[in-house]
N, C-alpha and C. Protein backbone atom coordinates (compact mmCIF):
# COMPACT_ATOMS: atom_id res chain seq x y z
N MET A 1 0.81 -1.14 0.03
CA MET A 1 0.02 0.03 0.00
C MET A 1 0.88 1.25 0.00
N ILE A 2 0.50 2.16 -0.82
CA ILE A 2 1.16 3.46 -0.96
C ILE A 2 0.14 4.52 -0.90
N VAL A 3 0.38 5.66 -0.17
CA VAL A 3 -0.53 6.76 -0.09
C VAL A 3 0.13 7.87 -0.89
N GLY A 4 -0.70 8.51 -1.73
CA GLY A 4 -0.34 9.79 -2.42
C GLY A 4 -1.28 10.87 -2.02
N ILE A 5 -0.69 12.00 -1.69
CA ILE A 5 -1.48 13.14 -1.19
C ILE A 5 -1.20 14.43 -1.99
N ASP A 6 -2.22 14.97 -2.62
CA ASP A 6 -2.14 16.27 -3.33
C ASP A 6 -2.71 17.33 -2.28
N LEU A 7 -1.85 17.83 -1.42
CA LEU A 7 -2.31 18.63 -0.28
C LEU A 7 -2.79 19.99 -0.69
N ALA A 8 -3.89 20.40 -0.18
CA ALA A 8 -4.41 21.74 -0.37
C ALA A 8 -3.77 22.69 0.64
N GLY A 9 -3.60 23.94 0.35
CA GLY A 9 -3.07 24.88 1.23
C GLY A 9 -3.90 25.14 2.56
N VAL A 10 -5.17 25.08 2.37
CA VAL A 10 -6.14 25.32 3.45
C VAL A 10 -7.14 24.24 3.55
N LYS A 11 -7.64 23.99 4.80
CA LYS A 11 -8.60 22.93 5.07
C LYS A 11 -9.99 23.05 4.43
N THR A 12 -10.24 24.25 3.91
CA THR A 12 -11.52 24.42 3.27
C THR A 12 -11.56 24.04 1.78
N ARG A 13 -10.34 23.72 1.25
CA ARG A 13 -10.22 23.27 -0.19
C ARG A 13 -9.87 21.78 -0.14
N PRO A 14 -10.32 21.05 -1.12
CA PRO A 14 -10.13 19.61 -1.12
C PRO A 14 -8.68 19.14 -1.39
N THR A 15 -8.29 18.16 -0.61
CA THR A 15 -7.02 17.53 -0.75
C THR A 15 -7.23 16.17 -1.48
N GLY A 16 -6.51 15.92 -2.56
CA GLY A 16 -6.62 14.63 -3.21
C GLY A 16 -5.90 13.62 -2.41
N PHE A 17 -6.49 12.42 -2.21
CA PHE A 17 -5.92 11.34 -1.46
C PHE A 17 -6.03 10.04 -2.27
N CYS A 18 -4.97 9.36 -2.43
CA CYS A 18 -4.94 8.11 -3.17
C CYS A 18 -4.27 6.98 -2.45
N VAL A 19 -4.92 5.80 -2.49
CA VAL A 19 -4.24 4.59 -1.99
C VAL A 19 -4.01 3.77 -3.26
N LEU A 20 -2.75 3.46 -3.37
CA LEU A 20 -2.31 2.58 -4.57
C LEU A 20 -1.92 1.24 -3.99
N GLU A 21 -2.70 0.19 -4.42
CA GLU A 21 -2.42 -1.17 -4.03
C GLU A 21 -2.05 -1.94 -5.23
N GLY A 22 -0.79 -2.29 -5.43
CA GLY A 22 -0.36 -2.83 -6.71
C GLY A 22 -0.42 -1.68 -7.70
N MET A 23 -1.26 -1.84 -8.74
CA MET A 23 -1.50 -0.76 -9.69
C MET A 23 -2.89 -0.26 -9.59
N ASP A 24 -3.68 -0.71 -8.65
CA ASP A 24 -5.07 -0.33 -8.49
C ASP A 24 -5.17 0.90 -7.60
N ALA A 25 -5.72 1.98 -8.14
CA ALA A 25 -5.83 3.19 -7.43
C ALA A 25 -7.26 3.44 -6.93
N SER A 26 -7.32 3.88 -5.68
CA SER A 26 -8.62 4.39 -5.16
C SER A 26 -8.40 5.77 -4.60
N THR A 27 -9.30 6.65 -4.88
CA THR A 27 -9.10 8.05 -4.47
C THR A 27 -10.32 8.58 -3.75
N CYS A 28 -10.10 9.68 -3.06
CA CYS A 28 -11.15 10.44 -2.39
C CYS A 28 -10.65 11.84 -2.19
N LEU A 29 -11.59 12.73 -1.77
CA LEU A 29 -11.19 14.11 -1.38
C LEU A 29 -11.38 14.16 0.12
N LEU A 30 -10.37 14.81 0.78
CA LEU A 30 -10.37 14.99 2.21
C LEU A 30 -10.10 16.45 2.47
N TYR A 31 -10.38 16.94 3.75
CA TYR A 31 -10.24 18.35 4.01
C TYR A 31 -9.31 18.62 5.19
N THR A 32 -9.51 17.97 6.29
CA THR A 32 -8.74 18.38 7.44
C THR A 32 -7.48 17.40 7.64
N ASP A 33 -6.56 17.88 8.35
CA ASP A 33 -5.33 17.10 8.65
C ASP A 33 -5.78 15.77 9.40
N GLU A 34 -6.74 15.93 10.32
CA GLU A 34 -7.18 14.76 11.09
C GLU A 34 -7.75 13.66 10.10
N GLU A 35 -8.54 14.12 9.08
CA GLU A 35 -9.06 13.13 8.10
C GLU A 35 -7.87 12.42 7.36
N ILE A 36 -6.92 13.27 6.99
CA ILE A 36 -5.73 12.74 6.19
C ILE A 36 -4.97 11.75 7.04
N ILE A 37 -4.66 12.08 8.32
CA ILE A 37 -3.96 11.22 9.17
C ILE A 37 -4.70 9.90 9.43
N GLU A 38 -6.04 10.11 9.69
CA GLU A 38 -6.88 8.90 9.99
C GLU A 38 -6.95 7.93 8.82
N GLN A 39 -7.10 8.45 7.63
CA GLN A 39 -7.11 7.60 6.37
C GLN A 39 -5.78 6.91 6.16
N THR A 40 -4.74 7.72 6.40
CA THR A 40 -3.37 7.13 6.21
C THR A 40 -3.13 6.00 7.23
N VAL A 41 -3.41 6.27 8.51
CA VAL A 41 -3.22 5.23 9.53
C VAL A 41 -4.01 3.99 9.20
N SER A 42 -5.27 4.18 8.65
CA SER A 42 -6.15 3.03 8.36
C SER A 42 -5.60 2.05 7.33
N VAL A 43 -4.77 2.65 6.41
CA VAL A 43 -4.19 1.67 5.39
C VAL A 43 -2.78 1.24 5.67
N ASN A 44 -2.08 1.93 6.58
CA ASN A 44 -0.75 1.59 7.01
C ASN A 44 0.21 1.41 5.84
N PRO A 45 0.42 2.54 5.10
CA PRO A 45 1.17 2.43 3.84
C PRO A 45 2.72 2.24 4.11
N SER A 46 3.42 1.74 3.13
CA SER A 46 4.88 1.61 3.14
C SER A 46 5.55 2.98 3.03
N VAL A 47 4.88 3.89 2.25
CA VAL A 47 5.42 5.24 2.09
C VAL A 47 4.24 6.13 1.86
N VAL A 48 4.39 7.41 2.17
CA VAL A 48 3.40 8.45 2.00
C VAL A 48 4.13 9.54 1.09
N ALA A 49 3.62 9.75 -0.13
CA ALA A 49 4.19 10.72 -1.05
C ALA A 49 3.28 11.93 -1.07
N ILE A 50 3.83 13.11 -0.67
CA ILE A 50 3.02 14.30 -0.56
C ILE A 50 3.48 15.39 -1.54
N ASP A 51 2.50 15.94 -2.24
CA ASP A 51 2.72 17.10 -3.04
C ASP A 51 2.53 18.37 -2.21
N ALA A 52 3.65 18.81 -1.59
CA ALA A 52 3.64 20.08 -0.85
C ALA A 52 5.13 20.22 -0.41
N PRO A 53 5.56 21.50 -0.25
CA PRO A 53 6.84 21.67 0.33
C PRO A 53 6.90 21.15 1.84
N LEU A 54 7.86 20.25 2.16
CA LEU A 54 7.89 19.68 3.44
C LEU A 54 9.02 20.13 4.28
N ALA A 55 9.79 21.11 3.80
CA ALA A 55 10.91 21.68 4.55
C ALA A 55 11.22 23.08 4.05
N LEU A 56 11.82 23.85 4.88
CA LEU A 56 12.23 25.21 4.58
C LEU A 56 13.67 25.14 3.97
N PRO A 57 14.05 26.24 3.20
CA PRO A 57 15.38 26.33 2.71
C PRO A 57 16.37 26.42 3.88
N LYS A 58 17.58 25.81 3.59
CA LYS A 58 18.67 25.96 4.61
C LYS A 58 18.95 27.48 4.93
N GLY A 59 19.03 27.78 6.17
CA GLY A 59 19.30 29.17 6.58
C GLY A 59 18.03 30.00 6.80
N ARG A 60 16.92 29.41 6.49
CA ARG A 60 15.66 30.16 6.80
C ARG A 60 14.96 29.46 7.98
N MET A 61 14.67 30.24 9.08
CA MET A 61 14.11 29.70 10.26
C MET A 61 12.56 29.64 10.24
N SER A 62 11.95 30.53 9.45
CA SER A 62 10.43 30.49 9.34
C SER A 62 10.02 31.24 8.07
N LEU A 63 8.78 31.12 7.75
CA LEU A 63 8.28 31.80 6.59
C LEU A 63 7.88 33.24 6.90
N GLU A 64 7.74 33.52 8.20
CA GLU A 64 7.37 34.88 8.63
C GLU A 64 8.53 35.90 8.58
N GLU A 65 9.78 35.39 8.81
CA GLU A 65 10.92 36.31 8.83
C GLU A 65 11.21 36.90 7.45
N ARG A 66 11.65 38.06 7.39
CA ARG A 66 12.12 38.64 6.17
C ARG A 66 13.46 38.00 5.82
N SER A 67 13.59 37.57 4.63
CA SER A 67 14.86 36.85 4.23
C SER A 67 15.05 36.95 2.75
N SER A 68 16.27 36.86 2.32
CA SER A 68 16.56 36.75 0.90
C SER A 68 16.58 35.29 0.42
N ILE A 69 16.36 34.38 1.28
CA ILE A 69 16.44 32.98 0.99
C ILE A 69 15.04 32.44 0.64
N HIS A 70 14.78 32.23 -0.60
CA HIS A 70 13.48 31.80 -1.11
C HIS A 70 13.43 30.37 -1.61
N PHE A 71 14.58 29.84 -2.05
CA PHE A 71 14.60 28.59 -2.71
C PHE A 71 15.40 27.51 -1.96
N ARG A 72 14.87 26.34 -2.00
CA ARG A 72 15.59 25.16 -1.51
C ARG A 72 16.45 24.58 -2.68
N GLN A 73 17.34 23.74 -2.38
CA GLN A 73 18.17 23.16 -3.47
C GLN A 73 17.29 22.39 -4.48
N CYS A 74 16.28 21.72 -4.03
CA CYS A 74 15.47 20.92 -4.94
C CYS A 74 14.64 21.85 -5.85
N ASP A 75 14.34 23.17 -5.35
CA ASP A 75 13.68 24.10 -6.21
C ASP A 75 14.65 24.58 -7.30
N LYS A 76 15.88 24.84 -6.89
CA LYS A 76 16.87 25.25 -7.85
C LYS A 76 17.13 24.16 -8.91
N ASP A 77 17.06 22.89 -8.43
CA ASP A 77 17.28 21.80 -9.36
C ASP A 77 16.09 21.69 -10.43
N LEU A 78 14.89 21.94 -9.88
CA LEU A 78 13.73 22.02 -10.87
C LEU A 78 13.95 23.10 -11.90
N MET A 79 14.47 24.26 -11.45
CA MET A 79 14.69 25.37 -12.42
C MET A 79 15.67 24.91 -13.46
N LYS A 80 16.77 24.22 -13.06
CA LYS A 80 17.75 23.73 -13.99
C LYS A 80 17.20 22.72 -14.99
N MET A 81 16.12 21.96 -14.56
CA MET A 81 15.53 21.03 -15.36
C MET A 81 14.45 21.62 -16.31
N GLY A 82 14.20 22.91 -16.10
CA GLY A 82 13.17 23.66 -16.89
C GLY A 82 11.77 23.38 -16.45
N ILE A 83 11.61 22.92 -15.22
CA ILE A 83 10.26 22.61 -14.73
C ILE A 83 9.72 23.79 -13.84
N LYS A 84 8.50 24.18 -14.22
CA LYS A 84 7.84 25.29 -13.56
C LYS A 84 7.33 24.89 -12.23
N PHE A 85 7.40 25.83 -11.20
CA PHE A 85 6.87 25.60 -9.94
C PHE A 85 6.65 26.93 -9.25
N PHE A 86 5.94 26.92 -8.10
CA PHE A 86 5.74 28.14 -7.31
C PHE A 86 6.69 28.11 -6.12
N PRO A 87 7.48 29.27 -5.85
CA PRO A 87 8.33 29.33 -4.76
C PRO A 87 7.57 29.19 -3.39
N ILE A 88 8.15 28.65 -2.37
CA ILE A 88 7.46 28.42 -1.14
C ILE A 88 7.13 29.69 -0.38
N THR A 89 7.77 30.80 -0.70
CA THR A 89 7.48 32.05 -0.10
C THR A 89 6.48 32.92 -0.76
N LEU A 90 5.92 32.40 -1.88
CA LEU A 90 4.90 33.13 -2.66
C LEU A 90 3.54 32.98 -1.92
N GLY A 91 2.88 34.00 -1.56
CA GLY A 91 1.55 34.11 -0.95
C GLY A 91 1.01 32.80 -0.45
N PRO A 92 0.04 32.18 -1.22
CA PRO A 92 -0.66 30.93 -0.82
C PRO A 92 0.26 29.75 -0.57
N MET A 93 1.51 29.80 -1.13
CA MET A 93 2.46 28.71 -0.94
C MET A 93 2.93 28.69 0.48
N ARG A 94 2.92 29.81 1.14
CA ARG A 94 3.38 29.85 2.57
C ARG A 94 2.45 28.96 3.43
N ARG A 95 1.14 29.02 3.26
CA ARG A 95 0.21 28.21 4.01
C ARG A 95 0.39 26.77 3.64
N LEU A 96 0.54 26.46 2.40
CA LEU A 96 0.77 25.07 1.96
C LEU A 96 2.01 24.52 2.58
N THR A 97 3.08 25.29 2.64
CA THR A 97 4.36 24.92 3.20
C THR A 97 4.22 24.59 4.73
N GLU A 98 3.57 25.53 5.41
CA GLU A 98 3.37 25.30 6.87
C GLU A 98 2.53 24.07 7.11
N ARG A 99 1.43 23.89 6.25
CA ARG A 99 0.63 22.70 6.45
C ARG A 99 1.41 21.44 6.13
N GLY A 100 2.20 21.47 5.01
CA GLY A 100 2.96 20.26 4.71
C GLY A 100 3.98 19.88 5.70
N ILE A 101 4.66 20.88 6.28
CA ILE A 101 5.69 20.60 7.29
C ILE A 101 5.01 19.94 8.53
N GLY A 102 3.86 20.51 8.93
CA GLY A 102 3.07 19.95 10.08
C GLY A 102 2.62 18.55 9.85
N LEU A 103 2.04 18.27 8.59
CA LEU A 103 1.52 16.94 8.33
C LEU A 103 2.73 15.99 8.26
N ARG A 104 3.77 16.38 7.65
CA ARG A 104 4.96 15.47 7.60
C ARG A 104 5.38 15.09 9.05
N ARG A 105 5.47 16.02 9.93
CA ARG A 105 5.85 15.79 11.34
C ARG A 105 4.87 14.84 11.99
N SER A 106 3.59 15.07 11.79
CA SER A 106 2.55 14.22 12.45
C SER A 106 2.67 12.76 11.91
N LEU A 107 2.85 12.56 10.61
CA LEU A 107 2.94 11.24 10.06
C LEU A 107 4.19 10.54 10.47
N GLU A 108 5.30 11.27 10.43
CA GLU A 108 6.61 10.65 10.88
C GLU A 108 6.60 10.28 12.33
N GLU A 109 5.86 11.05 13.21
CA GLU A 109 5.75 10.73 14.59
C GLU A 109 4.98 9.46 14.79
N ARG A 110 4.12 9.07 13.81
CA ARG A 110 3.37 7.83 13.85
C ARG A 110 4.12 6.69 13.15
N GLY A 111 5.41 6.94 12.72
CA GLY A 111 6.21 5.85 12.16
C GLY A 111 6.16 5.74 10.65
N PHE A 112 5.53 6.64 9.94
CA PHE A 112 5.48 6.51 8.47
C PHE A 112 6.67 7.20 7.79
N GLU A 113 7.11 6.58 6.72
CA GLU A 113 8.07 7.23 5.84
C GLU A 113 7.32 8.20 5.00
N VAL A 114 7.80 9.43 4.93
CA VAL A 114 7.13 10.52 4.18
C VAL A 114 8.14 11.10 3.20
N ILE A 115 7.80 11.19 1.93
CA ILE A 115 8.59 11.81 0.90
C ILE A 115 7.90 12.94 0.26
N GLU A 116 8.68 13.95 -0.22
CA GLU A 116 8.08 15.01 -0.92
C GLU A 116 8.20 14.72 -2.39
N THR A 117 7.15 14.99 -3.13
CA THR A 117 7.20 14.93 -4.62
C THR A 117 6.38 16.08 -5.22
N TYR A 118 6.43 16.17 -6.49
CA TYR A 118 5.74 17.26 -7.17
C TYR A 118 5.12 16.66 -8.40
N PRO A 119 3.83 16.43 -8.49
CA PRO A 119 3.21 15.65 -9.53
C PRO A 119 3.38 16.31 -10.98
N GLY A 120 3.45 17.69 -10.97
CA GLY A 120 3.67 18.35 -12.25
C GLY A 120 5.05 17.94 -12.82
N ALA A 121 6.01 17.97 -12.00
CA ALA A 121 7.40 17.59 -12.41
C ALA A 121 7.38 16.12 -12.82
N ALA A 122 6.74 15.24 -12.00
CA ALA A 122 6.70 13.83 -12.29
C ALA A 122 6.00 13.57 -13.63
N GLN A 123 4.91 14.30 -13.86
CA GLN A 123 4.23 14.13 -15.18
C GLN A 123 5.07 14.57 -16.32
N ASP A 124 5.82 15.67 -16.14
CA ASP A 124 6.71 16.14 -17.17
C ASP A 124 7.80 15.07 -17.45
N VAL A 125 8.43 14.47 -16.40
CA VAL A 125 9.43 13.47 -16.55
C VAL A 125 8.88 12.21 -17.20
N LEU A 126 7.66 11.84 -16.80
CA LEU A 126 7.02 10.62 -17.36
C LEU A 126 6.44 10.84 -18.78
N ARG A 127 6.47 12.20 -19.18
CA ARG A 127 5.89 12.59 -20.48
C ARG A 127 4.39 12.26 -20.59
N ILE A 128 3.68 12.60 -19.60
CA ILE A 128 2.19 12.54 -19.60
C ILE A 128 1.70 13.99 -19.34
N PRO A 129 0.53 14.29 -19.83
CA PRO A 129 -0.06 15.67 -19.69
C PRO A 129 -0.32 16.00 -18.23
N ARG A 130 -0.09 17.24 -17.91
CA ARG A 130 -0.51 17.81 -16.62
C ARG A 130 -1.99 18.09 -16.63
N LYS A 131 -2.60 18.19 -15.45
CA LYS A 131 -4.08 18.44 -15.40
C LYS A 131 -4.53 19.65 -16.16
N GLN A 132 -3.65 20.68 -16.23
CA GLN A 132 -4.05 21.86 -16.95
C GLN A 132 -4.33 21.59 -18.44
N ASN A 133 -3.71 20.47 -18.95
CA ASN A 133 -3.94 20.17 -20.38
C ASN A 133 -5.11 19.27 -20.56
N GLY A 134 -5.90 19.07 -19.52
CA GLY A 134 -7.16 18.24 -19.65
C GLY A 134 -7.06 16.96 -18.74
N LEU A 135 -8.06 16.84 -17.90
CA LEU A 135 -8.13 15.70 -17.00
C LEU A 135 -8.22 14.38 -17.73
N ALA A 136 -8.90 14.30 -18.84
CA ALA A 136 -8.98 13.06 -19.58
C ALA A 136 -7.65 12.67 -20.15
N LYS A 137 -6.90 13.68 -20.55
CA LYS A 137 -5.53 13.35 -21.12
C LYS A 137 -4.61 12.84 -19.94
N LEU A 138 -4.71 13.46 -18.80
CA LEU A 138 -3.83 13.01 -17.68
C LEU A 138 -4.27 11.59 -17.30
N ARG A 139 -5.56 11.34 -17.15
CA ARG A 139 -6.05 10.07 -16.84
C ARG A 139 -5.55 8.98 -17.78
N ARG A 140 -5.64 9.26 -19.10
CA ARG A 140 -5.12 8.32 -20.12
C ARG A 140 -3.69 8.11 -19.94
N GLY A 141 -2.91 9.14 -19.66
CA GLY A 141 -1.47 8.98 -19.49
C GLY A 141 -1.16 8.10 -18.35
N LEU A 142 -1.91 8.27 -17.21
CA LEU A 142 -1.67 7.36 -16.08
C LEU A 142 -2.02 5.93 -16.34
N GLU A 143 -3.12 5.77 -17.12
CA GLU A 143 -3.59 4.41 -17.50
C GLU A 143 -2.56 3.78 -18.41
N GLU A 144 -1.95 4.55 -19.31
CA GLU A 144 -0.93 3.98 -20.19
C GLU A 144 0.34 3.58 -19.41
N LEU A 145 0.51 4.14 -18.22
CA LEU A 145 1.62 3.71 -17.40
C LEU A 145 1.28 2.50 -16.44
N GLY A 146 -0.02 2.04 -16.63
CA GLY A 146 -0.40 0.82 -15.98
C GLY A 146 -1.32 1.06 -14.79
N ILE A 147 -1.69 2.22 -14.40
CA ILE A 147 -2.61 2.54 -13.31
C ILE A 147 -4.01 2.10 -13.69
N LYS A 148 -4.65 1.37 -12.78
CA LYS A 148 -6.00 0.77 -12.98
C LYS A 148 -7.01 1.42 -12.11
N LYS A 149 -8.30 1.27 -12.43
CA LYS A 149 -9.38 1.73 -11.61
C LYS A 149 -9.59 3.30 -11.57
N LEU A 150 -9.12 3.93 -12.64
CA LEU A 150 -9.37 5.34 -12.72
C LEU A 150 -10.68 5.54 -13.46
N ASP A 151 -11.38 6.63 -13.15
CA ASP A 151 -12.56 6.98 -13.85
C ASP A 151 -12.75 8.40 -14.12
N ASP A 152 -13.65 8.75 -15.01
CA ASP A 152 -13.73 10.18 -15.45
C ASP A 152 -14.38 11.14 -14.45
N SER A 153 -14.79 10.59 -13.32
CA SER A 153 -15.34 11.43 -12.19
C SER A 153 -14.23 11.96 -11.34
N MET A 154 -13.05 11.48 -11.48
CA MET A 154 -11.94 11.92 -10.62
C MET A 154 -11.51 13.35 -10.94
N THR A 155 -11.26 14.14 -9.89
CA THR A 155 -10.86 15.50 -10.02
C THR A 155 -9.35 15.58 -10.35
N GLY A 156 -8.93 16.81 -10.68
CA GLY A 156 -7.48 17.03 -10.86
C GLY A 156 -6.73 16.76 -9.66
N ASP A 157 -7.27 17.14 -8.46
CA ASP A 157 -6.56 16.86 -7.18
C ASP A 157 -6.38 15.35 -6.99
N GLU A 158 -7.46 14.61 -7.33
CA GLU A 158 -7.36 13.10 -7.14
C GLU A 158 -6.32 12.57 -8.12
N LEU A 159 -6.31 12.99 -9.37
CA LEU A 159 -5.40 12.45 -10.40
C LEU A 159 -3.94 12.82 -9.98
N ASP A 160 -3.75 14.02 -9.47
CA ASP A 160 -2.39 14.38 -8.95
C ASP A 160 -1.99 13.52 -7.75
N SER A 161 -2.98 13.14 -6.95
CA SER A 161 -2.65 12.29 -5.78
C SER A 161 -2.20 10.84 -6.31
N VAL A 162 -2.93 10.46 -7.38
CA VAL A 162 -2.53 9.18 -8.08
C VAL A 162 -1.09 9.31 -8.50
N THR A 163 -0.70 10.37 -9.17
CA THR A 163 0.66 10.58 -9.61
C THR A 163 1.67 10.52 -8.47
N CYS A 164 1.28 11.12 -7.35
CA CYS A 164 2.13 11.08 -6.13
C CYS A 164 2.33 9.65 -5.65
N ALA A 165 1.23 8.94 -5.63
CA ALA A 165 1.30 7.48 -5.26
C ALA A 165 2.20 6.66 -6.16
N LEU A 166 2.08 6.97 -7.53
CA LEU A 166 2.90 6.30 -8.46
C LEU A 166 4.35 6.59 -8.20
N VAL A 167 4.71 7.88 -7.91
CA VAL A 167 6.06 8.20 -7.53
C VAL A 167 6.49 7.43 -6.33
N GLY A 168 5.60 7.29 -5.34
CA GLY A 168 5.93 6.51 -4.16
C GLY A 168 6.25 5.07 -4.47
N LYS A 169 5.44 4.49 -5.41
CA LYS A 169 5.73 3.16 -5.83
C LYS A 169 7.11 3.00 -6.55
N MET A 170 7.39 3.93 -7.39
CA MET A 170 8.72 3.95 -8.08
C MET A 170 9.83 4.17 -7.07
N TYR A 171 9.59 4.89 -6.05
CA TYR A 171 10.64 5.11 -5.02
C TYR A 171 10.94 3.80 -4.31
N LEU A 172 9.86 3.08 -3.94
CA LEU A 172 10.05 1.81 -3.24
C LEU A 172 10.76 0.77 -4.18
N GLU A 173 10.60 0.88 -5.49
CA GLU A 173 11.14 -0.01 -6.42
C GLU A 173 12.54 0.40 -6.82
N GLY A 174 13.01 1.61 -6.30
CA GLY A 174 14.35 2.06 -6.72
C GLY A 174 14.36 2.74 -8.08
N ARG A 175 13.24 3.06 -8.63
CA ARG A 175 13.17 3.68 -9.96
C ARG A 175 12.88 5.20 -9.80
N TYR A 176 13.86 5.86 -9.15
CA TYR A 176 13.54 7.30 -8.92
C TYR A 176 14.88 8.04 -8.90
N ILE A 177 14.71 9.41 -9.01
CA ILE A 177 15.84 10.25 -8.74
C ILE A 177 15.48 11.09 -7.53
N ALA A 178 16.48 11.56 -6.82
CA ALA A 178 16.26 12.43 -5.64
C ALA A 178 16.99 13.69 -5.93
N ILE A 179 16.31 14.84 -6.01
CA ILE A 179 16.96 16.12 -6.24
C ILE A 179 16.99 16.91 -4.96
N GLY A 180 17.98 17.82 -4.84
CA GLY A 180 17.96 18.68 -3.71
C GLY A 180 19.22 18.41 -2.81
N ASP A 181 19.01 18.76 -1.58
CA ASP A 181 20.06 18.71 -0.57
C ASP A 181 19.49 17.97 0.65
N SER A 182 20.06 16.85 1.04
CA SER A 182 19.52 15.99 2.09
C SER A 182 19.50 16.76 3.46
N GLU A 183 20.21 17.90 3.60
CA GLU A 183 20.15 18.65 4.83
C GLU A 183 18.90 19.48 4.90
N GLU A 184 18.25 19.67 3.70
CA GLU A 184 16.96 20.35 3.63
C GLU A 184 15.91 19.31 3.48
N ILE A 185 15.72 18.84 2.26
CA ILE A 185 14.88 17.69 1.96
C ILE A 185 15.18 17.29 0.56
N LEU A 186 14.98 16.03 0.22
CA LEU A 186 15.16 15.61 -1.13
C LEU A 186 13.78 15.45 -1.78
N MET A 187 13.64 15.92 -2.95
CA MET A 187 12.39 15.77 -3.69
C MET A 187 12.54 14.50 -4.54
N ILE A 188 11.54 13.64 -4.49
CA ILE A 188 11.61 12.37 -5.22
C ILE A 188 10.81 12.51 -6.54
N LEU A 189 11.44 12.12 -7.62
CA LEU A 189 10.81 12.16 -8.94
C LEU A 189 11.04 10.81 -9.62
N PRO A 190 10.24 10.49 -10.59
CA PRO A 190 10.49 9.24 -11.33
C PRO A 190 11.82 9.28 -12.06
N LYS A 191 12.38 8.08 -12.23
CA LYS A 191 13.61 8.07 -13.07
C LYS A 191 13.23 8.27 -14.49
N PRO A 192 13.88 9.17 -15.25
CA PRO A 192 13.43 9.43 -16.67
C PRO A 192 13.58 8.14 -17.48
């Protein structure tokens, strides 16, 4: 069992949640951290792959402090790869980062291995469309990679959580790359 989470920045917006068993995906939308933790504990996954920044850049103590440090090494590596992303210090990303760091801490305290990933980057590496290019195209791309039990009622958040779970599976199988600095956090992406 692998859990993929496309975390929303606030609890009033839906978080995509996927359980991947073998290649069978089941998804739902959750809202609170308590729901996310409860669902994760109930399936006892081997790894939890989260789409959210799960650490601050080295040298930065908080998001509130004024600082010239805006990028982690994994963010800089994404830039070198030509992959677009939002910096963690940009408006709404601050809340997502705070929530992601808190959720990571809560899950690790319960004994789960938690990895950071980015479904947009994973989709680029796997050469499948991002959700902005059409949910049907993204779903087909995931199905062509072998994911089963997807349907056209799934939201973009759910399909991104499936992508996160797929990255988690590839991580467990050793078919991944880790970008960044281990003193901050490594971002896990599929091996090209």
